[in-house]
Protein backbone atom coordinates (compact mmCIF):
# COMPACT_ATOMS: atom_id res chain seq x y z
CA MET A 1 131.62 127.35 -32.19
CA THR A 2 129.96 128.97 -35.23
CA ASP A 3 126.73 129.80 -33.39
CA GLU A 4 127.02 133.18 -31.64
CA ASP A 5 124.83 132.17 -28.70
CA THR A 6 127.13 129.21 -28.08
CA ARG A 7 130.13 131.52 -28.24
CA TYR A 8 128.51 133.83 -25.73
CA GLU A 9 128.07 130.90 -23.34
CA ALA A 10 131.81 130.23 -23.66
CA VAL A 11 132.45 133.89 -22.78
CA ARG A 12 130.06 133.72 -19.81
CA SER A 13 131.89 130.67 -18.45
CA ARG A 14 135.32 132.21 -19.24
CA ASP A 15 136.24 129.06 -21.11
CA GLY A 16 139.96 129.21 -21.93
CA ARG A 17 139.63 126.30 -24.37
CA PHE A 18 138.48 128.82 -26.97
CA ASP A 19 141.20 131.42 -26.52
CA GLY A 20 142.50 132.10 -30.02
CA VAL A 21 139.57 130.26 -31.63
CA PHE A 22 137.51 133.46 -31.64
CA PHE A 23 137.49 136.91 -30.05
CA PHE A 24 134.67 139.03 -28.70
CA ALA A 25 134.34 142.81 -28.58
CA VAL A 26 132.14 145.06 -26.44
CA GLU A 27 130.52 147.91 -28.34
CA THR A 28 129.96 150.06 -25.23
CA THR A 29 133.66 150.04 -24.25
CA GLY A 30 135.38 149.70 -27.63
CA ILE A 31 137.50 146.81 -26.30
CA TYR A 32 138.02 143.27 -27.62
CA CYS A 33 138.99 140.28 -25.46
CA ARG A 34 139.74 136.58 -25.41
CA PRO A 35 136.88 134.29 -24.25
CA SER A 36 138.52 133.66 -20.86
CA CYS A 37 138.85 137.37 -19.97
CA PRO A 38 138.30 137.78 -16.19
CA ALA A 39 136.42 141.07 -16.58
CA VAL A 40 132.69 141.31 -15.86
CA THR A 41 130.76 139.55 -18.64
CA PRO A 42 129.09 142.14 -20.91
CA ARG A 43 125.46 141.94 -21.91
CA ARG A 44 124.77 139.83 -24.97
CA ARG A 45 123.34 142.71 -26.98
CA ASN A 46 126.61 144.64 -26.65
CA VAL A 47 128.86 141.80 -27.84
CA ARG A 48 130.27 141.18 -31.32
CA PHE A 49 132.35 138.17 -32.35
CA PHE A 50 135.40 138.05 -34.63
CA PRO A 51 137.47 135.17 -36.03
CA THR A 52 140.79 137.01 -35.54
CA ALA A 53 142.29 139.82 -33.51
CA ALA A 54 143.02 141.61 -36.78
CA ALA A 55 139.31 141.61 -37.66
CA ALA A 56 138.44 143.14 -34.29
CA GLN A 57 141.14 145.79 -34.70
CA GLY A 58 139.93 146.53 -38.22
CA SER A 59 136.47 147.26 -36.81
CA GLY A 60 137.91 149.86 -34.46
CA PHE A 61 138.26 147.88 -31.22
CA ARG A 62 141.38 148.02 -29.05
CA ALA A 63 142.99 145.19 -27.09
CA CYS A 64 141.94 144.54 -23.50
CA ARG A 65 144.69 145.37 -21.02
CA ARG A 66 143.64 142.62 -18.61
CA CYS A 67 143.48 139.53 -20.82
CA ARG A 68 145.88 140.66 -23.61
CA PRO A 69 144.00 138.91 -26.42
CA ASP A 70 146.90 139.36 -28.85
CA ALA A 71 149.01 136.94 -26.77
CA VAL A 72 146.77 133.87 -27.03
CA PRO A 73 147.85 130.65 -28.80
CA GLY A 74 147.21 130.66 -32.53
CA SER A 75 144.04 129.07 -33.81
CA ALA A 76 144.52 125.33 -34.20
CA GLU A 77 142.29 125.42 -37.28
CA TRP A 78 144.63 127.65 -39.28
CA ASN A 79 147.62 125.75 -37.93
CA VAL A 80 146.56 122.41 -39.43
CA ARG A 81 144.45 123.30 -42.47
CA ALA A 82 146.00 122.40 -45.80
CA ASP A 83 144.00 124.82 -47.99
CA VAL A 84 145.17 128.21 -49.23
CA VAL A 85 143.81 130.10 -46.20
CA GLY A 86 145.63 127.88 -43.71
CA ARG A 87 148.83 128.06 -45.75
CA ALA A 88 148.53 131.86 -46.02
CA VAL A 89 148.06 132.30 -42.28
CA ARG A 90 151.14 130.20 -41.53
CA LEU A 91 153.23 132.22 -43.98
CA ILE A 92 152.01 135.52 -42.55
CA ALA A 93 152.89 134.27 -39.06
CA ASP A 94 156.39 133.47 -40.36
CA GLY A 95 156.78 137.12 -41.44
CA VAL A 96 156.51 136.69 -45.21
CA VAL A 97 154.28 139.76 -45.71
CA ASP A 98 156.73 141.92 -43.74
CA ARG A 99 159.66 140.68 -45.81
CA GLU A 100 158.14 140.16 -49.25
CA GLY A 101 154.82 142.00 -49.23
CA VAL A 102 151.43 140.70 -50.33
CA ALA A 103 152.82 140.00 -53.80
CA GLY A 104 155.44 137.68 -52.31
CA LEU A 105 152.81 135.90 -50.24
CA ALA A 106 150.58 135.39 -53.29
CA ALA A 107 153.50 134.10 -55.37
CA ARG A 108 154.34 131.49 -52.74
CA LEU A 109 150.72 130.34 -52.69
CA GLY A 110 150.35 130.29 -56.47
CA TYR A 111 147.41 132.72 -56.46
CA SER A 112 146.92 136.34 -57.42
CA ALA A 113 147.12 138.96 -54.70
CA ARG A 114 143.44 139.75 -55.28
CA GLN A 115 142.42 136.11 -54.79
CA VAL A 116 144.42 135.86 -51.55
CA GLN A 117 142.88 139.09 -50.27
CA ARG A 118 139.37 137.89 -51.08
CA GLN A 119 139.74 134.45 -49.48
CA LEU A 120 141.36 135.70 -46.28
CA THR A 121 138.82 138.49 -45.84
CA ALA A 122 135.92 136.09 -46.39
CA GLU A 123 137.11 133.60 -43.75
CA LEU A 124 139.08 135.71 -41.28
CA GLY A 125 137.46 139.11 -41.55
CA ALA A 126 140.84 140.65 -42.43
CA GLY A 127 143.22 140.62 -45.37
CA PRO A 128 146.95 139.82 -45.32
CA VAL A 129 148.03 143.39 -44.56
CA ALA A 130 145.67 143.63 -41.57
CA LEU A 131 146.79 140.23 -40.26
CA ALA A 132 150.45 141.21 -40.57
CA ARG A 133 149.73 144.57 -38.91
CA ALA A 134 148.15 142.86 -35.88
CA GLN A 135 151.18 140.61 -35.62
CA ARG A 136 153.54 143.59 -35.83
CA ALA A 137 151.66 145.30 -33.01
CA HIS A 138 152.07 142.23 -30.79
CA THR A 139 155.80 142.05 -31.60
CA ALA A 140 156.16 145.74 -30.77
CA ARG A 141 154.45 145.32 -27.41
CA THR A 142 156.71 142.37 -26.57
CA LEU A 143 159.86 144.34 -27.38
CA LEU A 144 158.64 147.45 -25.53
CA GLN A 145 157.86 145.50 -22.39
CA THR A 146 160.78 143.05 -22.29
CA THR A 147 163.76 144.96 -23.71
CA GLU A 148 165.45 148.34 -23.36
CA LEU A 149 165.80 148.84 -27.10
CA PRO A 150 165.16 152.44 -28.20
CA VAL A 151 161.59 152.99 -29.38
CA THR A 152 162.80 153.91 -32.89
CA GLU A 153 164.67 150.62 -33.22
CA ILE A 154 161.62 148.71 -32.00
CA ALA A 155 159.47 150.33 -34.67
CA PHE A 156 161.58 148.92 -37.50
CA ALA A 157 162.40 145.67 -35.69
CA SER A 158 158.65 144.99 -35.46
CA GLY A 159 158.27 145.34 -39.23
CA PHE A 160 156.77 148.83 -39.46
CA ALA A 161 157.76 150.98 -42.43
CA SER A 162 157.95 154.18 -40.39
CA VAL A 163 157.94 155.43 -36.81
CA ARG A 164 154.70 157.30 -37.48
CA GLN A 165 152.98 154.10 -38.65
CA PHE A 166 154.32 152.33 -35.55
CA ASN A 167 153.04 155.03 -33.17
CA ASP A 168 149.62 155.18 -34.82
CA THR A 169 149.17 151.39 -34.74
CA VAL A 170 150.21 151.03 -31.09
CA ARG A 171 147.80 153.78 -30.06
CA GLU A 172 144.95 152.23 -32.05
CA VAL A 173 145.50 148.67 -30.80
CA TYR A 174 146.44 149.32 -27.16
CA ALA A 175 145.01 152.81 -26.48
CA SER A 176 148.48 153.78 -25.21
CA THR A 177 151.59 155.32 -26.66
CA PRO A 178 154.70 153.15 -26.93
CA THR A 179 156.24 155.04 -24.00
CA GLU A 180 153.14 154.43 -21.87
CA LEU A 181 153.22 150.69 -22.67
CA ARG A 182 156.84 150.48 -21.57
CA ALA A 183 156.20 152.47 -18.39
CA ALA A 184 153.26 150.21 -17.48
CA ALA A 185 155.51 147.15 -17.79
CA HIS A 186 158.08 148.72 -15.47
CA ARG A 187 155.40 149.53 -12.91
CA GLY A 188 154.17 145.95 -13.10
CA ARG A 189 157.66 144.72 -12.20
CA GLY A 190 157.77 146.66 -8.94
CA GLY A 191 157.85 150.40 -9.43
CA ALA A 192 158.80 153.22 -11.74
CA ARG A 193 162.08 153.12 -13.58
CA GLY A 194 164.94 153.77 -11.27
CA ARG A 195 163.03 152.75 -8.12
CA GLY A 196 163.96 149.16 -7.49
CA VAL A 197 163.31 147.85 -11.01
CA ARG A 198 166.10 145.79 -12.47
CA ARG A 199 166.53 146.74 -16.11
CA PRO A 200 167.42 143.81 -18.38
CA SER A 201 171.04 143.87 -19.42
CA PRO A 202 171.78 144.05 -23.18
CA GLY A 203 173.03 140.46 -23.14
CA ALA A 204 170.06 139.06 -21.25
CA GLY A 205 168.05 138.34 -24.39
CA ILE A 206 164.31 138.66 -24.81
CA PRO A 207 162.22 136.77 -22.21
CA LEU A 208 159.04 135.25 -23.59
CA ARG A 209 156.10 133.17 -22.50
CA LEU A 210 155.09 130.81 -25.30
CA ALA A 211 151.41 130.22 -24.60
CA HIS A 212 149.54 126.98 -25.28
CA ARG A 213 145.97 125.85 -24.71
CA GLY A 214 145.02 122.90 -22.55
CA PRO A 215 147.35 120.36 -20.94
CA TYR A 216 150.87 120.00 -22.29
CA GLN A 217 153.07 116.93 -21.88
CA ALA A 218 156.39 118.76 -21.74
CA GLY A 219 158.26 115.70 -20.51
CA ALA A 220 157.53 113.67 -23.65
CA VAL A 221 158.51 116.57 -25.93
CA PHE A 222 161.78 117.20 -24.10
CA ASP A 223 162.54 113.46 -24.09
CA GLN A 224 162.20 113.39 -27.88
CA LEU A 225 164.26 116.54 -28.38
CA ALA A 226 167.02 115.14 -26.15
CA GLU A 227 167.00 111.87 -28.07
CA GLU A 228 167.31 113.64 -31.43
CA ALA A 229 169.62 116.56 -30.48
CA VAL A 230 172.40 117.25 -33.00
CA THR A 231 175.65 118.15 -31.25
CA GLY A 232 176.83 121.69 -31.95
CA VAL A 233 173.34 122.88 -32.90
CA GLU A 234 171.19 121.64 -29.99
CA GLU A 235 171.47 120.52 -26.40
CA VAL A 236 169.15 119.46 -23.59
CA SER A 237 170.48 119.92 -20.06
CA GLY A 238 169.16 119.50 -16.53
CA ALA A 239 167.17 116.86 -14.67
CA PRO A 240 163.82 115.60 -16.02
CA GLY A 241 161.08 118.01 -15.03
CA ALA A 242 163.44 120.98 -15.01
CA ARG A 243 165.33 120.64 -18.29
CA THR A 244 166.41 123.38 -20.68
CA TYR A 245 166.41 122.97 -24.45
CA ARG A 246 168.84 125.25 -26.25
CA ARG A 247 169.62 125.58 -29.93
CA THR A 248 170.92 127.87 -32.66
CA LEU A 249 168.63 129.42 -35.25
CA ARG A 250 169.20 130.54 -38.81
CA LEU A 251 166.78 133.42 -39.44
CA PRO A 252 165.96 135.77 -42.35
CA TYR A 253 167.97 138.74 -41.03
CA GLY A 254 170.53 137.10 -38.79
CA THR A 255 171.05 134.32 -36.28
CA GLY A 256 169.74 133.47 -32.85
CA ILE A 257 170.13 131.27 -29.81
CA VAL A 258 167.08 130.20 -27.85
CA ALA A 259 166.59 128.52 -24.49
CA VAL A 260 163.22 126.95 -23.61
CA GLU A 261 162.43 125.69 -20.12
CA GLU A 262 160.56 122.48 -19.41
CA ARG A 263 157.41 123.30 -17.48
CA THR A 264 155.28 120.72 -15.70
CA GLY A 265 151.61 121.33 -15.03
CA ALA A 266 149.75 124.54 -15.83
CA PRO A 267 148.44 127.48 -13.85
CA ARG A 268 144.91 127.17 -12.51
CA THR A 269 142.19 129.60 -13.47
CA GLY A 270 139.89 131.29 -11.02
CA THR A 271 137.49 128.34 -11.31
CA GLY A 272 140.24 125.88 -10.33
CA THR A 273 140.45 124.26 -13.77
CA ARG A 274 143.49 124.00 -15.95
CA THR A 275 142.88 125.61 -19.34
CA GLY A 276 146.35 126.33 -20.59
CA GLY A 277 149.79 127.59 -19.71
CA TRP A 278 153.07 128.48 -21.30
CA LEU A 279 156.71 127.56 -21.78
CA ASP A 280 159.28 130.09 -20.63
CA ALA A 281 161.83 130.98 -23.30
CA ARG A 282 164.65 133.42 -23.82
CA LEU A 283 165.82 134.57 -27.25
CA HIS A 284 169.18 136.08 -28.17
CA LEU A 285 168.98 137.61 -31.65
CA THR A 286 171.61 139.36 -33.73
CA ASP A 287 168.77 141.32 -35.39
CA PRO A 288 165.52 142.02 -33.48
CA ARG A 289 163.56 142.01 -36.75
CA ASP A 290 163.71 138.21 -36.50
CA LEU A 291 161.64 138.07 -33.30
CA THR A 292 158.29 137.23 -34.93
CA THR A 293 159.78 134.56 -37.18
CA ALA A 294 161.79 132.99 -34.36
CA VAL A 295 158.74 132.78 -32.09
CA GLN A 296 156.59 131.17 -34.78
CA ARG A 297 159.26 128.58 -35.53
CA LEU A 298 159.51 127.69 -31.87
CA ARG A 299 155.74 127.37 -31.70
CA ARG A 300 155.87 124.86 -34.57
CA LEU A 301 158.73 122.93 -32.96
CA PHE A 302 156.85 122.55 -29.67
CA ASP A 303 153.42 122.20 -31.34
CA LEU A 304 152.01 124.99 -29.18
CA ASP A 305 149.05 125.89 -31.42
CA ALA A 306 147.51 122.43 -31.28
CA ASP A 307 144.01 121.86 -29.91
CA PRO A 308 144.49 119.08 -27.30
CA TYR A 309 140.79 119.08 -26.46
CA ALA A 310 139.79 118.03 -29.98
CA VAL A 311 142.63 115.49 -30.25
CA ASP A 312 142.00 113.89 -26.86
CA GLU A 313 138.23 113.75 -27.36
CA ARG A 314 138.58 111.79 -30.61
CA LEU A 315 141.48 109.52 -29.67
CA GLY A 316 140.36 109.05 -26.05
CA ALA A 317 137.17 107.36 -27.25
CA ASP A 318 139.15 104.59 -28.97
CA PRO A 319 139.46 101.30 -27.03
CA ARG A 320 143.18 100.96 -27.75
CA LEU A 321 144.18 104.61 -27.31
CA GLY A 322 141.86 105.58 -24.47
CA ARG A 323 144.20 104.51 -21.67
CA LEU A 324 147.18 106.17 -23.40
CA VAL A 325 145.33 109.47 -23.77
CA ALA A 326 144.21 109.30 -20.13
CA ALA A 327 147.83 108.75 -19.09
CA ARG A 328 149.18 111.62 -21.23
CA PRO A 329 146.48 114.20 -21.95
CA GLY A 330 147.66 116.95 -24.23
CA LEU A 331 150.48 114.96 -25.83
CA ARG A 332 152.00 116.97 -28.66
CA SER A 333 153.49 116.06 -32.04
CA PRO A 334 156.72 118.11 -32.32
CA GLY A 335 157.56 119.92 -35.55
CA THR A 336 160.75 121.69 -36.59
CA VAL A 337 162.38 125.11 -36.72
CA ASP A 338 164.16 124.27 -39.98
CA PRO A 339 162.57 121.97 -42.61
CA LEU A 340 165.95 121.41 -44.29
CA GLU A 341 167.36 120.18 -40.99
CA SER A 342 164.47 117.74 -40.58
CA ALA A 343 164.88 116.46 -44.12
CA VAL A 344 168.62 115.92 -43.74
CA ARG A 345 168.15 114.14 -40.41
CA ALA A 346 165.48 111.90 -41.93
CA LEU A 347 167.81 111.01 -44.79
CA ALA A 348 171.23 110.89 -43.10
CA GLY A 349 170.32 110.08 -39.49
CA ARG A 350 171.47 111.90 -36.38
CA GLU A 351 175.13 110.92 -36.66
CA GLY A 352 175.20 111.85 -40.34
CA ALA A 353 173.66 115.22 -39.54
CA GLU A 354 176.30 115.85 -36.86
CA GLU A 355 179.06 115.10 -39.36
CA LEU A 356 177.54 117.55 -41.83
CA VAL A 357 177.39 120.22 -39.14
CA ARG A 358 181.08 119.72 -38.33
CA ARG A 359 182.09 119.86 -41.99
CA TYR A 360 179.78 122.49 -43.46
CA GLY A 361 177.97 124.27 -40.63
CA LYS A 362 178.68 127.97 -40.13
CA VAL A 363 180.65 128.56 -36.93
CA LEU A 364 178.98 131.07 -34.63
CA ASP A 365 180.79 134.36 -34.16
CA ALA A 366 180.27 133.91 -30.42
CA PRO A 367 179.82 130.23 -29.50
CA CYS A 368 177.66 129.63 -26.45
CA GLY A 369 178.72 126.58 -24.47
CA SER A 370 178.24 123.48 -26.60
CA LEU A 371 176.33 125.48 -29.23
CA THR A 372 178.98 126.23 -31.81
CA HIS A 373 177.39 126.02 -35.27
CA LEU A 374 174.39 126.82 -37.41
CA PHE A 375 173.01 123.92 -39.39
CA PRO A 376 174.37 124.21 -42.99
CA ASP A 377 171.97 125.76 -45.46
CA ALA A 378 170.66 124.04 -48.59
CA ALA A 379 172.90 125.87 -51.06
CA VAL A 380 176.05 124.93 -49.11
CA LEU A 381 175.04 121.27 -48.89
CA ALA A 382 174.10 121.15 -52.56
CA GLY A 383 177.54 122.43 -53.54
CA ALA A 384 179.47 120.36 -51.02
CA GLU A 385 177.67 117.06 -51.62
CA PRO A 386 176.97 116.94 -55.37
CA GLY A 387 175.27 113.80 -56.57
CA GLY A 388 173.67 111.22 -54.36
CA PRO A 389 170.45 111.52 -52.38
CA LEU A 390 171.68 114.23 -50.00
CA GLY A 391 172.94 116.48 -52.79
CA ALA A 392 169.72 116.00 -54.77
CA LEU A 393 167.60 116.87 -51.75
CA ALA A 394 169.64 119.96 -50.91
CA ALA A 395 169.61 121.16 -54.52
CA ALA A 396 165.84 120.69 -54.76
CA LEU A 397 165.28 122.68 -51.59
CA ALA A 398 167.74 125.37 -52.69
CA ASP A 399 166.14 125.96 -56.10
CA GLY A 400 162.54 125.62 -54.91
CA THR A 401 161.76 122.35 -56.68
CA VAL A 402 160.77 121.06 -53.24
CA ARG A 403 159.14 123.40 -50.73
CA LEU A 404 158.81 122.54 -47.06
CA ASP A 405 158.06 126.02 -45.69
CA PRO A 406 154.92 126.76 -43.61
CA GLY A 407 152.92 127.62 -46.73
CA ALA A 408 153.87 124.57 -48.78
CA ASP A 409 151.17 122.39 -50.31
CA ARG A 410 151.60 119.10 -48.43
CA ASP A 411 150.51 116.81 -51.25
CA ALA A 412 152.68 118.63 -53.79
CA ALA A 413 155.66 118.46 -51.42
CA GLN A 414 155.17 114.73 -50.92
CA GLU A 415 155.04 114.12 -54.66
CA ALA A 416 158.19 116.18 -55.23
CA LEU A 417 160.06 114.42 -52.42
CA LEU A 418 159.17 110.96 -53.69
CA ALA A 419 160.62 111.91 -57.09
CA LEU A 420 164.07 112.45 -55.50
CA PRO A 421 166.63 109.61 -55.28
CA GLY A 422 166.84 107.91 -51.90
CA MET A 423 163.48 109.17 -50.68
CA ASP A 424 161.19 106.34 -49.61
CA PRO A 425 157.56 106.61 -48.42
CA GLU A 426 158.50 106.17 -44.76
CA THR A 427 160.96 109.08 -44.85
CA VAL A 428 158.46 111.29 -46.68
CA ALA A 429 155.72 110.43 -44.18
CA ALA A 430 158.00 111.48 -41.35
CA LEU A 431 158.63 114.80 -43.10
CA ARG A 432 154.89 115.39 -43.55
CA VAL A 433 154.60 115.22 -39.78
CA ARG A 434 157.73 117.11 -38.69
CA ALA A 435 158.43 119.60 -41.48
CA LEU A 436 154.91 120.19 -42.82
CA GLY A 437 152.94 119.85 -39.59
CA ASP A 438 150.39 117.39 -40.99
CA PRO A 439 148.26 116.12 -38.08
CA ASP A 440 146.86 113.12 -39.96
CA VAL A 441 149.72 110.94 -41.22
CA ALA A 442 149.80 107.15 -40.99
CA PRO A 443 153.06 105.19 -41.45
CA PRO A 444 153.20 103.66 -44.95
CA GLY A 445 151.87 100.12 -45.07
CA VAL A 446 150.14 100.42 -41.71
CA ARG A 447 146.35 100.45 -41.57
CA LEU A 448 145.12 102.74 -38.83
CA PRO A 449 141.44 102.99 -37.88
CA ASP A 450 139.47 105.68 -39.68
CA ASP A 451 138.14 106.71 -36.28
CA TRP A 452 141.60 108.13 -35.55
CA ARG A 453 141.23 110.70 -38.34
CA PRO A 454 142.06 113.56 -38.55
CA TRP A 455 144.60 113.05 -35.74
CA ARG A 456 146.54 109.95 -36.81
CA SER A 457 149.90 111.69 -36.32
CA TYR A 458 148.98 112.18 -32.66
CA ALA A 459 147.78 108.58 -32.39
CA VAL A 460 151.14 107.33 -33.66
CA GLN A 461 152.88 109.69 -31.21
CA HIS A 462 150.90 108.17 -28.32
CA LEU A 463 151.94 104.69 -29.42
CA ARG A 464 155.57 105.73 -29.84
CA VAL A 465 155.80 107.36 -26.42
CA ALA A 466 154.12 104.36 -24.80
CA GLY A 467 156.59 102.03 -26.54
CA GLU A 468 153.90 100.28 -28.60
CA GLY A 469 154.11 99.65 -32.32
CA ALA A 470 151.65 101.33 -34.67
CA ARG A 471 150.82 97.94 -36.17
């Protein structure tokens, strides 16, 4: 979709497949939208295209109130790319710029701040500060419209350095004050405050819709999560088709508990086609500053930023995989909310991980049903299990010798993992898929057709779900 005339055709047809892939702005109105916006299609001469919402905002356009372009799924391209731009975008989404600044982002990437700024601006039309600012604005809108937190608390919880900066950004991006955004949300729920609107209770958590593009095979994802669930940290309850996945989260500023609902099917657009949908979630956080990070980690766990159209087109043309793709369009390859947790599970197995949780996991101040612990962190495991493969892995993750965060270099991480005792190629391949989100991993020793590239991880997932061996 690099040709602007082709992009305009996607806008004219309101094609939701490209939501998050690019954005368009209308010069006569000063508004930017997602491609599937239901508003009247503007004339071609009045339209400009941008690779990111931040680039549109940086050019002076404000977000459309009808299609809410800031709430689209993330671009699948930046989600899977292994170069410095893809790694930078994933780190920014995880909140690194808000917590550590541009210097911290550059240090994690191994580049200078100037190099990072130049590369992001060249490809995305916005630098790291602008990208983080757009993300903060979206977080602020979510908190304003779904919680009763005071506006001042929301300003700092969203990552803004001051209330003035918060107010200015919200006005620029949404053409509304924070108070007006909150009032509009109350009106949308049935009337002005105090006239029949039920205000969320403080303990109700933050309700969210985690958007995805295209079809989504929730049943297969929830089956896998139920099969792998570590007692005390995770649980899956309910009947198939209406299950709830719940787990504890260790986050930069505090802890959290999340519940995600299994959703079958997807809402239809005005043309009667299915172009996407969402998973309903509810977050309980001890510190609201963790909202952005928690959401991004859930998106990685449920693989919500994938592009099922590209995956299904490639794999569906294969004689062996075609029938599997037709049976499960939009099958996802789940990731993780905690790379350490994935690494320990891969090494120690589910039962071993449960034993570690019982022995070393931090007990929640307020347990919630069967959720009683946080998964132990790397430093605790390194000290408690000195020597042996588990201790070596935990120590390497604790001191940074091995990095499995969203901005890690996948090849460098694989090399570092293989240098650790007890790490074999099969375990490392599994971690490339789950912890590092690599979409193109083949099991060691198994020759997969080149035609399955760059989606071999999804091909193996299709074979696994169907009960067929990759060989």
